[in-house]
C-alpha atoms as a PDB file:
ATOM      1  CA  UNK A   1      88.704 -25.753 -68.220  1.00  0.00           C
ATOM      2  CA  UNK A   2      85.793 -25.888 -65.723  1.00  0.00           C
ATOM      3  CA  UNK A   3      88.180 -25.900 -62.891  1.00  0.00           C
ATOM      4  CA  UNK A   4      90.000 -22.851 -64.122  1.00  0.00           C
ATOM      5  CA  UNK A   5      86.615 -21.054 -64.479  1.00  0.00           C
ATOM      6  CA  UNK A   6      85.766 -21.997 -60.916  1.00  0.00           C
ATOM      7  CA  UNK A   7      89.021 -20.801 -59.436  1.00  0.00           C
ATOM      8  CA  UNK A   8      88.738 -17.626 -61.423  1.00  0.00           C
ATOM      9  CA  UNK A   9      85.213 -17.014 -60.127  1.00  0.00           C
ATOM     10  CA  UNK A  10      86.357 -17.520 -56.518  1.00  0.00           C
ATOM     11  CA  UNK A  11      89.273 -15.103 -56.981  1.00  0.00           C
ATOM     12  CA  UNK A  12      86.903 -12.500 -58.520  1.00  0.00           C
ATOM     13  CA  UNK A  13      84.560 -12.809 -55.567  1.00  0.00           C
ATOM     14  CA  UNK A  14      87.447 -12.449 -53.197  1.00  0.00           C
ATOM     15  CA  UNK A  15      88.613  -9.315 -54.927  1.00  0.00           C
ATOM     16  CA  UNK A  16      85.114  -7.825 -54.996  1.00  0.00           C
ATOM     17  CA  UNK A  17      84.158  -8.717 -51.382  1.00  0.00           C
ATOM     18  CA  UNK A  18      85.415  -5.497 -49.741  1.00  0.00           C
ATOM     19  CA  UNK A  19      83.084  -3.593 -51.915  1.00  0.00           C
ATOM     20  CA  UNK A  20      80.114  -5.796 -51.022  1.00  0.00           C
ATOM     21  CA  UNK A  21      80.946  -6.004 -47.259  1.00  0.00           C
ATOM     22  CA  UNK A  22      78.664  -3.888 -45.030  1.00  0.00           C
ATOM     23  CA  UNK A  23      81.431  -2.945 -42.643  1.00  0.00           C
ATOM     24  CA  UNK A  24      84.968  -3.570 -41.425  1.00  0.00           C
ATOM     25  CA  UNK A  25      83.688  -6.409 -39.095  1.00  0.00           C
ATOM     26  CA  UNK A  26      82.834  -8.417 -42.142  1.00  0.00           C
ATOM     27  CA  UNK A  27      86.297  -7.837 -43.592  1.00  0.00           C
ATOM     28  CA  UNK A  28      87.727  -9.040 -40.278  1.00  0.00           C
ATOM     29  CA  UNK A  29      85.663 -12.208 -40.258  1.00  0.00           C
ATOM     30  CA  UNK A  30      86.614 -13.009 -43.863  1.00  0.00           C
ATOM     31  CA  UNK A  31      90.353 -12.148 -43.399  1.00  0.00           C
ATOM     32  CA  UNK A  32      90.552 -14.450 -40.251  1.00  0.00           C
ATOM     33  CA  UNK A  33      88.824 -17.164 -42.308  1.00  0.00           C
ATOM     34  CA  UNK A  34      91.421 -16.789 -45.015  1.00  0.00           C
ATOM     35  CA  UNK A  35      94.262 -17.095 -42.512  1.00  0.00           C
ATOM     36  CA  UNK A  36      92.772 -20.357 -41.162  1.00  0.00           C
ATOM     37  CA  UNK A  37      92.163 -21.565 -44.698  1.00  0.00           C
ATOM     38  CA  UNK A  38      95.917 -21.359 -45.275  1.00  0.00           C
ATOM     39  CA  UNK A  39      96.554 -23.455 -42.189  1.00  0.00           C
ATOM     40  CA  UNK A  40      93.752 -25.930 -43.177  1.00  0.00           C
ATOM     41  CA  UNK A  41      95.209 -26.399 -46.636  1.00  0.00           C
ATOM     42  CA  UNK A  42      98.476 -27.316 -44.935  1.00  0.00           C
ATOM     43  CA  UNK A  43      96.682 -29.810 -42.617  1.00  0.00           C
ATOM     44  CA  UNK A  44      95.036 -31.339 -45.679  1.00  0.00           C
ATOM     45  CA  UNK A  45      98.368 -32.113 -47.251  1.00  0.00           C
ATOM     46  CA  UNK A  46      99.500 -34.342 -44.367  1.00  0.00           C
ATOM     47  CA  UNK A  47      96.098 -35.715 -43.566  1.00  0.00           C
ATOM     48  CA  UNK A  48      94.114 -35.727 -46.765  1.00  0.00           C
ATOM     49  CA  UNK A  49      96.902 -36.512 -49.210  1.00  0.00           C
ATOM     50  CA  UNK A  50      99.454 -38.390 -47.095  1.00  0.00           C
ATOM     51  CA  UNK A  51      97.115 -40.052 -44.646  1.00  0.00           C
ATOM     52  CA  UNK A  52      98.773 -38.902 -41.343  1.00  0.00           C
ATOM     53  CA  UNK A  53      96.340 -37.142 -38.970  1.00  0.00           C
ATOM     54  CA  UNK A  54      98.453 -34.488 -37.214  1.00  0.00           C
ATOM     55  CA  UNK A  55      96.721 -33.180 -34.030  1.00  0.00           C
ATOM     56  CA  UNK A  56      99.548 -30.654 -33.236  1.00  0.00           C
ATOM     57  CA  UNK A  57      98.759 -28.548 -36.262  1.00  0.00           C
ATOM     58  CA  UNK A  58      97.465 -25.581 -34.268  1.00  0.00           C
ATOM     59  CA  UNK A  59     100.625 -25.764 -32.149  1.00  0.00           C
ATOM     60  CA  UNK A  60     102.729 -25.168 -35.262  1.00  0.00           C
ATOM     61  CA  UNK A  61     100.491 -22.322 -36.227  1.00  0.00           C
ATOM     62  CA  UNK A  62     101.161 -20.826 -32.744  1.00  0.00           C
ATOM     63  CA  UNK A  63     104.920 -21.371 -33.293  1.00  0.00           C
ATOM     64  CA  UNK A  64     104.746 -19.195 -36.501  1.00  0.00           C
ATOM     65  CA  UNK A  65     102.673 -16.503 -34.772  1.00  0.00           C
ATOM     66  CA  UNK A  66     104.963 -16.319 -31.703  1.00  0.00           C
ATOM     67  CA  UNK A  67     108.037 -16.263 -33.965  1.00  0.00           C
ATOM     68  CA  UNK A  68     106.588 -12.988 -35.426  1.00  0.00           C
ATOM     69  CA  UNK A  69     105.434 -11.687 -32.032  1.00  0.00           C
ATOM     70  CA  UNK A  70     108.733 -12.298 -30.182  1.00  0.00           C
ATOM     71  CA  UNK A  71     111.029 -11.122 -32.984  1.00  0.00           C
ATOM     72  CA  UNK A  72     109.070  -7.894 -33.605  1.00  0.00           C
ATOM     73  CA  UNK A  73     108.169  -6.952 -29.943  1.00  0.00           C
ATOM     74  CA  UNK A  74     111.170  -8.155 -28.015  1.00  0.00           C
ATOM     75  CA  UNK A  75     113.906  -7.823 -30.696  1.00  0.00           C
ATOM     76  CA  UNK A  76     112.429  -4.983 -32.801  1.00  0.00           C
ATOM     77  CA  UNK A  77     112.945  -6.869 -36.101  1.00  0.00           C
ATOM     78  CA  UNK A  78     110.914  -5.669 -39.044  1.00  0.00           C
ATOM     79  CA  UNK A  79     107.646  -7.522 -39.589  1.00  0.00           C
ATOM     80  CA  UNK A  80     108.562  -8.893 -42.993  1.00  0.00           C
ATOM     81  CA  UNK A  81     111.842 -10.381 -41.727  1.00  0.00           C
ATOM     82  CA  UNK A  82     110.001 -12.075 -38.841  1.00  0.00           C
ATOM     83  CA  UNK A  83     107.246 -13.247 -41.187  1.00  0.00           C
ATOM     84  CA  UNK A  84     109.732 -14.801 -43.578  1.00  0.00           C
ATOM     85  CA  UNK A  85     111.084 -16.805 -40.561  1.00  0.00           C
ATOM     86  CA  UNK A  86     107.658 -17.868 -39.328  1.00  0.00           C
ATOM     87  CA  UNK A  87     107.184 -20.704 -41.725  1.00  0.00           C
ATOM     88  CA  UNK A  88     110.836 -21.679 -41.687  1.00  0.00           C
ATOM     89  CA  UNK A  89     110.892 -21.990 -37.874  1.00  0.00           C
ATOM     90  CA  UNK A  90     107.652 -24.033 -37.910  1.00  0.00           C
ATOM     91  CA  UNK A  91     109.098 -26.308 -40.553  1.00  0.00           C
ATOM     92  CA  UNK A  92     112.437 -26.709 -38.704  1.00  0.00           C
ATOM     93  CA  UNK A  93     110.664 -27.697 -35.508  1.00  0.00           C
ATOM     94  CA  UNK A  94     108.450 -30.069 -37.607  1.00  0.00           C
ATOM     95  CA  UNK A  95     111.616 -31.768 -38.902  1.00  0.00           C
ATOM     96  CA  UNK A  96     112.654 -32.825 -35.364  1.00  0.00           C
ATOM     97  CA  UNK A  97     109.139 -33.725 -34.188  1.00  0.00           C
ATOM     98  CA  UNK A  98     108.445 -35.567 -37.470  1.00  0.00           C
ATOM     99  CA  UNK A  99     111.636 -37.729 -37.047  1.00  0.00           C
ATOM    100  CA  UNK A 100     110.115 -39.114 -33.910  1.00  0.00           C
ATOM    101  CA  UNK A 101     106.342 -39.058 -34.506  1.00  0.00           C
ATOM    102  CA  UNK A 102     106.346 -40.471 -38.031  1.00  0.00           C
ATOM    103  CA  UNK A 103     107.763 -43.702 -36.831  1.00  0.00           C
ATOM    104  CA  UNK A 104     104.329 -44.301 -35.487  1.00  0.00           C
ATOM    105  CA  UNK A 105     101.309 -45.345 -37.585  1.00  0.00           C
ATOM    106  CA  UNK A 106      97.578 -44.650 -37.662  1.00  0.00           C
ATOM    107  CA  UNK A 107      95.966 -43.567 -34.356  1.00  0.00           C
ATOM    108  CA  UNK A 108      99.258 -43.905 -32.500  1.00  0.00           C
ATOM    109  CA  UNK A 109     100.669 -41.045 -34.613  1.00  0.00           C
ATOM    110  CA  UNK A 110      97.627 -38.950 -33.888  1.00  0.00           C
ATOM    111  CA  UNK A 111      97.782 -39.620 -30.153  1.00  0.00           C
ATOM    112  CA  UNK A 112     101.494 -38.707 -30.101  1.00  0.00           C
ATOM    113  CA  UNK A 113     100.999 -35.526 -31.982  1.00  0.00           C
ATOM    114  CA  UNK A 114      98.062 -34.466 -29.682  1.00  0.00           C
ATOM    115  CA  UNK A 115     100.447 -34.860 -26.730  1.00  0.00           C
ATOM    116  CA  UNK A 116     103.021 -32.743 -28.599  1.00  0.00           C
ATOM    117  CA  UNK A 117     100.457 -30.115 -29.275  1.00  0.00           C
ATOM    118  CA  UNK A 118      99.563 -30.064 -25.585  1.00  0.00           C
ATOM    119  CA  UNK A 119     103.196 -29.706 -24.599  1.00  0.00           C
ATOM    120  CA  UNK A 120     103.496 -26.786 -27.097  1.00  0.00           C
ATOM    121  CA  UNK A 121     100.471 -25.182 -25.395  1.00  0.00           C
ATOM    122  CA  UNK A 122     101.996 -25.659 -21.954  1.00  0.00           C
ATOM    123  CA  UNK A 123     105.384 -24.206 -22.983  1.00  0.00           C
ATOM    124  CA  UNK A 124     103.754 -21.152 -24.457  1.00  0.00           C
ATOM    125  CA  UNK A 125     101.638 -20.623 -21.372  1.00  0.00           C
ATOM    126  CA  UNK A 126     104.413 -21.202 -18.795  1.00  0.00           C
ATOM    127  CA  UNK A 127     107.581 -19.918 -20.441  1.00  0.00           C
ATOM    128  CA  UNK A 128     107.154 -16.306 -19.374  1.00  0.00           C
ATOM    129  CA  UNK A 129     110.655 -15.140 -20.221  1.00  0.00           C
ATOM    130  CA  UNK A 130     110.212 -16.105 -23.912  1.00  0.00           C
ATOM    131  CA  UNK A 131     106.521 -16.089 -24.676  1.00  0.00           C
ATOM    132  CA  UNK A 132     105.181 -13.683 -22.079  1.00  0.00           C
ATOM    133  CA  UNK A 133     103.267 -16.485 -20.494  1.00  0.00           C
ATOM    134  CA  UNK A 134      99.470 -16.450 -20.128  1.00  0.00           C
ATOM    135  CA  UNK A 135      99.436 -12.644 -20.473  1.00  0.00           C
ATOM    136  CA  UNK A 136     100.369 -13.038 -24.141  1.00  0.00           C
ATOM    137  CA  UNK A 137     102.191 -10.665 -26.458  1.00  0.00           C
ATOM    138  CA  UNK A 138     100.647  -7.243 -27.080  1.00  0.00           C
ATOM    139  CA  UNK A 139     101.705  -4.453 -29.379  1.00  0.00           C
ATOM    140  CA  UNK A 140     102.750  -6.540 -32.388  1.00  0.00           C
ATOM    141  CA  UNK A 141     103.323  -4.132 -35.234  1.00  0.00           C
ATOM    142  CA  UNK A 142     101.318  -4.189 -38.422  1.00  0.00           C
ATOM    143  CA  UNK A 143     103.206  -5.151 -41.611  1.00  0.00           C
ATOM    144  CA  UNK A 144     105.397  -2.262 -42.863  1.00  0.00           C
ATOM    145  CA  UNK A 145     104.180  -0.338 -45.867  1.00  0.00           C
ATOM    146  CA  UNK A 146     105.080  -1.668 -49.285  1.00  0.00           C
ATOM    147  CA  UNK A 147     104.798   0.658 -52.274  1.00  0.00           C
ATOM    148  CA  UNK A 148     102.999   3.077 -50.137  1.00  0.00           C
ATOM    149  CA  UNK A 149     100.250   0.614 -49.042  1.00  0.00           C
ATOM    150  CA  UNK A 150      99.258   0.979 -45.387  1.00  0.00           C
ATOM    151  CA  UNK A 151      98.696  -2.498 -44.018  1.00  0.00           C
ATOM    152  CA  UNK A 152      97.146  -1.080 -40.735  1.00  0.00           C
ATOM    153  CA  UNK A 153      93.987  -0.272 -42.799  1.00  0.00           C
ATOM    154  CA  UNK A 154      91.339  -3.116 -42.821  1.00  0.00           C
ATOM    155  CA  UNK A 155      90.828  -3.225 -46.567  1.00  0.00           C
ATOM    156  CA  UNK A 156      94.545  -3.291 -47.346  1.00  0.00           C
ATOM    157  CA  UNK A 157      95.054  -5.956 -44.756  1.00  0.00           C
ATOM    158  CA  UNK A 158      92.260  -7.989 -46.325  1.00  0.00           C
ATOM    159  CA  UNK A 159      93.898  -7.909 -49.767  1.00  0.00           C
ATOM    160  CA  UNK A 160      97.278  -8.831 -48.150  1.00  0.00           C
ATOM    161  CA  UNK A 161      95.821 -11.941 -46.612  1.00  0.00           C
ATOM    162  CA  UNK A 162      93.955 -12.743 -49.853  1.00  0.00           C
ATOM    163  CA  UNK A 163      97.242 -12.512 -51.695  1.00  0.00           C
ATOM    164  CA  UNK A 164      98.952 -15.024 -49.433  1.00  0.00           C
ATOM    165  CA  UNK A 165      95.896 -17.350 -49.614  1.00  0.00           C
ATOM    166  CA  UNK A 166      96.068 -17.200 -53.454  1.00  0.00           C
ATOM    167  CA  UNK A 167      99.830 -17.945 -53.388  1.00  0.00           C
ATOM    168  CA  UNK A 168      99.327 -20.818 -50.941  1.00  0.00           C
ATOM    169  CA  UNK A 169      96.593 -22.385 -53.031  1.00  0.00           C
ATOM    170  CA  UNK A 170      98.789 -22.058 -56.171  1.00  0.00           C
ATOM    171  CA  UNK A 171     101.832 -23.587 -54.457  1.00  0.00           C
ATOM    172  CA  UNK A 172      99.645 -26.417 -53.030  1.00  0.00           C
ATOM    173  CA  UNK A 173      98.214 -27.105 -56.437  1.00  0.00           C
ATOM    174  CA  UNK A 174     101.709 -27.368 -57.860  1.00  0.00           C
ATOM    175  CA  UNK A 175     102.757 -29.782 -55.056  1.00  0.00           C
ATOM    176  CA  UNK A 176      99.646 -31.990 -55.227  1.00  0.00           C
ATOM    177  CA  UNK A 177      99.763 -32.332 -59.034  1.00  0.00           C
ATOM    178  CA  UNK A 178     103.486 -33.060 -59.108  1.00  0.00           C
ATOM    179  CA  UNK A 179     105.340 -36.373 -58.830  1.00  0.00           C
ATOM    180  CA  UNK A 180     105.810 -35.591 -55.161  1.00  0.00           C
ATOM    181  CA  UNK A 181     102.132 -35.119 -54.681  1.00  0.00           C
ATOM    182  CA  UNK A 182     101.377 -38.540 -56.352  1.00  0.00           C
ATOM    183  CA  UNK A 183     104.009 -40.041 -54.018  1.00  0.00           C
ATOM    184  CA  UNK A 184     102.163 -38.668 -51.038  1.00  0.00           C
ATOM    185  CA  UNK A 185      98.938 -40.214 -52.263  1.00  0.00           C
ATOM    186  CA  UNK A 186     100.636 -43.582 -52.792  1.00  0.00           C
ATOM    187  CA  UNK A 187     101.733 -43.506 -49.155  1.00  0.00           C
ATOM    188  CA  UNK A 188      98.186 -42.704 -48.081  1.00  0.00           C
ATOM    189  CA  UNK A 189      96.829 -45.626 -50.076  1.00  0.00           C
ATOM    190  CA  UNK A 190      99.191 -48.090 -48.404  1.00  0.00           C
ATOM    191  CA  UNK A 191     102.620 -48.075 -46.858  1.00  0.00           C
ATOM    192  CA  UNK A 192     103.498 -51.582 -48.005  1.00  0.00           C
ATOM    193  CA  UNK A 193     102.452 -50.886 -51.619  1.00  0.00           C
ATOM    194  CA  UNK A 194     104.338 -47.640 -51.696  1.00  0.00           C
ATOM    195  CA  UNK A 195     107.435 -49.202 -50.250  1.00  0.00           C
ATOM    196  CA  UNK A 196     107.164 -52.013 -52.867  1.00  0.00           C
ATOM    197  CA  UNK A 197     107.225 -49.289 -55.565  1.00  0.00           C
ATOM    198  CA  UNK A 198     110.561 -48.017 -54.185  1.00  0.00           C
ATOM    199  CA  UNK A 199     109.240 -45.045 -52.285  1.00  0.00           C
ATOM    200  CA  UNK A 200     111.269 -44.041 -49.225  1.00  0.00           C
ATOM    201  CA  UNK A 201     108.427 -43.829 -46.631  1.00  0.00           C
ATOM    202  CA  UNK A 202     110.273 -41.894 -43.873  1.00  0.00           C
ATOM    203  CA  UNK A 203     111.753 -39.325 -46.122  1.00  0.00           C
ATOM    204  CA  UNK A 204     108.527 -38.542 -47.970  1.00  0.00           C
ATOM    205  CA  UNK A 205     106.404 -38.542 -44.876  1.00  0.00           C
ATOM    206  CA  UNK A 206     108.841 -36.231 -43.201  1.00  0.00           C
ATOM    207  CA  UNK A 207     108.798 -33.898 -46.218  1.00  0.00           C
ATOM    208  CA  UNK A 208     104.994 -33.882 -46.267  1.00  0.00           C
ATOM    209  CA  UNK A 209     104.965 -33.108 -42.530  1.00  0.00           C
ATOM    210  CA  UNK A 210     107.384 -30.155 -42.856  1.00  0.00           C
ATOM    211  CA  UNK A 211     105.499 -28.723 -45.878  1.00  0.00           C
ATOM    212  CA  UNK A 212     102.258 -29.059 -43.898  1.00  0.00           C
ATOM    213  CA  UNK A 213     103.499 -27.281 -40.824  1.00  0.00           C
ATOM    214  CA  UNK A 214     105.277 -24.634 -42.985  1.00  0.00           C
ATOM    215  CA  UNK A 215     101.782 -23.564 -44.189  1.00  0.00           C
ATOM    216  CA  UNK A 216     100.613 -23.529 -40.552  1.00  0.00           C
ATOM    217  CA  UNK A 217     103.540 -21.338 -39.488  1.00  0.00           C
ATOM    218  CA  UNK A 218     102.878 -19.043 -42.413  1.00  0.00           C
ATOM    219  CA  UNK A 219      99.274 -18.685 -41.374  1.00  0.00           C
ATOM    220  CA  UNK A 220     100.361 -18.062 -37.802  1.00  0.00           C
ATOM    221  CA  UNK A 221     102.723 -15.245 -38.922  1.00  0.00           C
ATOM    222  CA  UNK A 222      99.801 -13.634 -40.897  1.00  0.00           C
ATOM    223  CA  UNK A 223      97.609 -14.026 -37.871  1.00  0.00           C
ATOM    224  CA  UNK A 224     100.106 -12.263 -35.602  1.00  0.00           C
ATOM    225  CA  UNK A 225     100.387  -9.286 -37.983  1.00  0.00           C
ATOM    226  CA  UNK A 226      96.604  -9.059 -38.450  1.00  0.00           C
ATOM    227  CA  UNK A 227      95.317  -9.516 -34.845  1.00  0.00           C
ATOM    228  CA  UNK A 228      98.489  -7.957 -33.292  1.00  0.00           C
ATOM    229  CA  UNK A 229      97.862  -9.789 -30.017  1.00  0.00           C
ATOM    230  CA  UNK A 230      98.752 -13.466 -29.098  1.00  0.00           C
ATOM    231  CA  UNK A 231      97.706 -15.713 -26.323  1.00  0.00           C
ATOM    232  CA  UNK A 232      98.444 -19.436 -25.558  1.00  0.00           C
ATOM    233  CA  UNK A 233      94.942 -20.440 -26.623  1.00  0.00           C
ATOM    234  CA  UNK A 234      96.119 -20.175 -30.258  1.00  0.00           C
ATOM    235  CA  UNK A 235      97.982 -23.474 -29.670  1.00  0.00           C
ATOM    236  CA  UNK A 236      94.941 -25.220 -28.325  1.00  0.00           C
ATOM    237  CA  UNK A 237      94.070 -28.547 -29.908  1.00  0.00           C
ATOM    238  CA  UNK A 238      90.529 -27.179 -30.313  1.00  0.00           C
ATOM    239  CA  UNK A 239      91.716 -25.144 -33.259  1.00  0.00           C
ATOM    240  CA  UNK A 240      93.145 -28.321 -34.907  1.00  0.00           C
ATOM    241  CA  UNK A 241      89.686 -29.910 -34.537  1.00  0.00           C
ATOM    242  CA  UNK A 242      88.125 -26.823 -36.118  1.00  0.00           C
ATOM    243  CA  UNK A 243      90.435 -27.164 -39.110  1.00  0.00           C
ATOM    244  CA  UNK A 244      89.636 -30.893 -39.328  1.00  0.00           C
ATOM    245  CA  UNK A 245      85.948 -30.005 -39.385  1.00  0.00           C
ATOM    246  CA  UNK A 246      86.640 -27.584 -42.226  1.00  0.00           C
ATOM    247  CA  UNK A 247      88.356 -30.359 -44.207  1.00  0.00           C
ATOM    248  CA  UNK A 248      85.588 -32.935 -43.598  1.00  0.00           C
ATOM    249  CA  UNK A 249      82.793 -30.628 -44.530  1.00  0.00           C
ATOM    250  CA  UNK A 250      84.511 -29.244 -47.591  1.00  0.00           C
ATOM    251  CA  UNK A 251      86.084 -32.551 -48.762  1.00  0.00           C
ATOM    252  CA  UNK A 252      89.247 -34.033 -47.340  1.00  0.00           C
ATOM    253  CA  UNK A 253      91.925 -34.848 -49.915  1.00  0.00           C
ATOM    254  CA  UNK A 254      90.614 -32.235 -52.410  1.00  0.00           C
ATOM    255  CA  UNK A 255      92.003 -28.819 -53.358  1.00  0.00           C
ATOM    256  CA  UNK A 256      88.861 -26.692 -53.059  1.00  0.00           C
ATOM    257  CA  UNK A 257      87.216 -28.599 -50.122  1.00  0.00           C
ATOM    258  CA  UNK A 258      89.306 -27.300 -47.203  1.00  0.00           C
ATOM    259  CA  UNK A 259      89.178 -23.769 -48.685  1.00  0.00           C
ATOM    260  CA  UNK A 260      85.370 -23.756 -48.953  1.00  0.00           C
ATOM    261  CA  UNK A 261      85.024 -25.296 -45.490  1.00  0.00           C
ATOM    262  CA  UNK A 262      87.366 -22.775 -43.887  1.00  0.00           C
ATOM    263  CA  UNK A 263      85.533 -19.872 -45.467  1.00  0.00           C
ATOM    264  CA  UNK A 264      81.966 -21.166 -45.274  1.00  0.00           C
ATOM    265  CA  UNK A 265      81.879 -22.451 -41.653  1.00  0.00           C
ATOM    266  CA  UNK A 266      82.805 -19.143 -39.878  1.00  0.00           C
ATOM    267  CA  UNK A 267      80.129 -17.351 -41.944  1.00  0.00           C
ATOM    268  CA  UNK A 268      77.511 -19.986 -41.040  1.00  0.00           C
ATOM    269  CA  UNK A 269      78.347 -19.608 -37.332  1.00  0.00           C
ATOM    270  CA  UNK A 270      78.123 -15.793 -37.731  1.00  0.00           C
ATOM    271  CA  UNK A 271      74.660 -16.106 -39.282  1.00  0.00           C
ATOM    272  CA  UNK A 272      73.584 -18.288 -36.295  1.00  0.00           C
ATOM    273  CA  UNK A 273      74.677 -15.810 -33.725  1.00  0.00           C
ATOM    274  CA  UNK A 274      71.171 -14.479 -33.248  1.00  0.00           C
ATOM    275  CA  UNK A 275      70.319 -17.853 -31.664  1.00  0.00           C
ATOM    276  CA  UNK A 276      72.995 -17.178 -28.961  1.00  0.00           C
ATOM    277  CA  UNK A 277      73.574 -20.336 -26.905  1.00  0.00           C
ATOM    278  CA  UNK A 278      70.995 -22.325 -28.879  1.00  0.00           C
ATOM    279  CA  UNK A 279      72.958 -22.006 -32.102  1.00  0.00           C
ATOM    280  CA  UNK A 280      74.798 -25.201 -31.307  1.00  0.00           C
ATOM    281  CA  UNK A 281      71.451 -27.016 -31.110  1.00  0.00           C
ATOM    282  CA  UNK A 282      70.990 -26.102 -34.787  1.00  0.00           C
ATOM    283  CA  UNK A 283      74.643 -26.353 -35.732  1.00  0.00           C
ATOM    284  CA  UNK A 284      75.155 -29.864 -34.420  1.00  0.00           C
ATOM    285  CA  UNK A 285      72.409 -31.627 -36.425  1.00  0.00           C
ATOM    286  CA  UNK A 286      73.497 -29.758 -39.535  1.00  0.00           C
ATOM    287  CA  UNK A 287      76.975 -31.120 -39.221  1.00  0.00           C
ATOM    288  CA  UNK A 288      75.632 -34.720 -38.539  1.00  0.00           C
ATOM    289  CA  UNK A 289      73.390 -34.420 -41.674  1.00  0.00           C
ATOM    290  CA  UNK A 290      76.373 -33.323 -43.788  1.00  0.00           C
ATOM    291  CA  UNK A 291      78.426 -36.318 -42.592  1.00  0.00           C
ATOM    292  CA  UNK A 292      75.475 -38.710 -43.243  1.00  0.00           C
ATOM    293  CA  UNK A 293      74.437 -37.445 -46.679  1.00  0.00           C
ATOM    294  CA  UNK A 294      77.837 -36.094 -47.901  1.00  0.00           C
ATOM    295  CA  UNK A 295      80.350 -38.559 -46.475  1.00  0.00           C
ATOM    296  CA  UNK A 296      83.134 -37.324 -48.649  1.00  0.00           C
ATOM    297  CA  UNK A 297      82.426 -33.641 -48.026  1.00  0.00           C
ATOM    298  CA  UNK A 298      80.703 -31.171 -50.336  1.00  0.00           C
ATOM    299  CA  UNK A 299      83.503 -31.035 -52.977  1.00  0.00           C
ATOM    300  CA  UNK A 300      84.465 -34.738 -52.542  1.00  0.00           C
ATOM    301  CA  UNK A 301      80.877 -35.959 -53.054  1.00  0.00           C
ATOM    302  CA  UNK A 302      80.492 -33.702 -56.065  1.00  0.00           C
ATOM    303  CA  UNK A 303      83.678 -35.062 -57.670  1.00  0.00           C
ATOM    304  CA  UNK A 304      82.721 -38.655 -56.856  1.00  0.00           C
ATOM    305  CA  UNK A 305      79.315 -38.188 -58.591  1.00  0.00           C
ATOM    306  CA  UNK A 306      80.977 -36.530 -61.687  1.00  0.00           C
ATOM    307  CA  UNK A 307      83.303 -39.544 -61.935  1.00  0.00           C
ATOM    308  CA  UNK A 308      80.481 -42.034 -61.584  1.00  0.00           C
ATOM    309  CA  UNK A 309      78.450 -40.204 -64.201  1.00  0.00           C
ATOM    310  CA  UNK A 310      81.371 -40.091 -66.620  1.00  0.00           C
ATOM    311  CA  UNK A 311      82.027 -43.838 -66.075  1.00  0.00           C
ATOM    312  CA  UNK A 312      78.323 -44.652 -66.758  1.00  0.00           C
ATOM    313  CA  UNK A 313      78.356 -42.630 -69.943  1.00  0.00           C
ATOM    314  CA  UNK A 314      81.512 -44.351 -71.150  1.00  0.00           C
ATOM    315  CA  UNK A 315      80.053 -47.724 -70.417  1.00  0.00           C
ATOM    316  CA  UNK A 316      76.702 -47.059 -72.079  1.00  0.00           C
ATOM    317  CA  UNK A 317      76.082 -48.792 -75.359  1.00  0.00           C
ATOM    318  CA  UNK A 318      75.964 -46.583 -78.516  1.00  0.00           C
ATOM    319  CA  UNK A 319      72.621 -45.271 -79.552  1.00  0.00           C
ATOM    320  CA  UNK A 320      71.389 -46.705 -82.867  1.00  0.00           C
ATOM    321  CA  UNK A 321      70.653 -44.225 -85.572  1.00  0.00           C
ATOM    322  CA  UNK A 322      68.040 -44.856 -88.277  1.00  0.00           C
ATOM    323  CA  UNK A 323      69.034 -43.651 -91.698  1.00  0.00           C
ATOM    324  CA  UNK A 324      67.570 -44.097 -95.198  1.00  0.00           C
ATOM    325  CA  UNK A 325      69.914 -46.995 -95.663  1.00  0.00           C
ATOM    326  CA  UNK A 326      68.857 -48.776 -92.538  1.00  0.00           C
ATOM    327  CA  UNK A 327      70.036 -48.995 -88.915  1.00  0.00           C
ATOM    328  CA  UNK A 328      73.553 -47.932 -88.079  1.00  0.00           C
ATOM    329  CA  UNK A 329      75.457 -47.330 -84.817  1.00  0.00           C
ATOM    330  CA  UNK A 330      76.460 -43.896 -83.610  1.00  0.00           C
END
């Protein structure tokens, strides 16, 4: 019940934000944060729930974005058709990359995917005939109107991104709390134990990988329609590290943690803009303090404390009650 109240409150705040925002710039910051939150939630599935740290995640986000950019600008496909393909193309590419990379374990998998991400970046930057090279893709059309809603207007765009974020969180909740989600967690807790339970490791790791990059591709498609300009830097591994930071601060392996991290950190950096170049002097120690004092992230630490408190209350002896007939146990 408390979780439902919390999620309802977050949704209500999201719906009310355009009326509280001072200007369109604040809407742009929040909309971009929502887009990266979708990608971060996908990264959390493969990293937080399945235990495989994919460093090519931003590359798959770029694949989804460039799918929309290329199909709409070069082939004049409607935005919604291209957007529907963005996650599918990313997941399809993830199938072939996952077949190779998921045979590796621990840091070997991460190093391999980092190399894959760099190859993606180089292909986007150098393949001029397909991706327009370092000049990027300009003139990406805004999403076509639906029911008379103009998605070129900042407030309508904001609500569109919020809608897809809400759908992504709902879908991820269904996945994580299903038998499939528990299978992913079993793999994270130990390959050998999961295999002993009859779990097909390769098949389930590959499925988790594809679902993860599907969310990244979807976020990339939204990003293309929102920003309407694409450059190779979108595929940079630095964006994957940013999403990793969001997970760690919010709480890796939790539902709300990556969402809160992806929304809160951009706003924190915006609030420190007045410090200019010195903002990193403040930002760095803040991150170090969070890692030291909240090692499981904000949401993860809160959940761990709740479980510890519940366990202590369950183990506590009953309080004796004094009645007119003597001492009895509650």
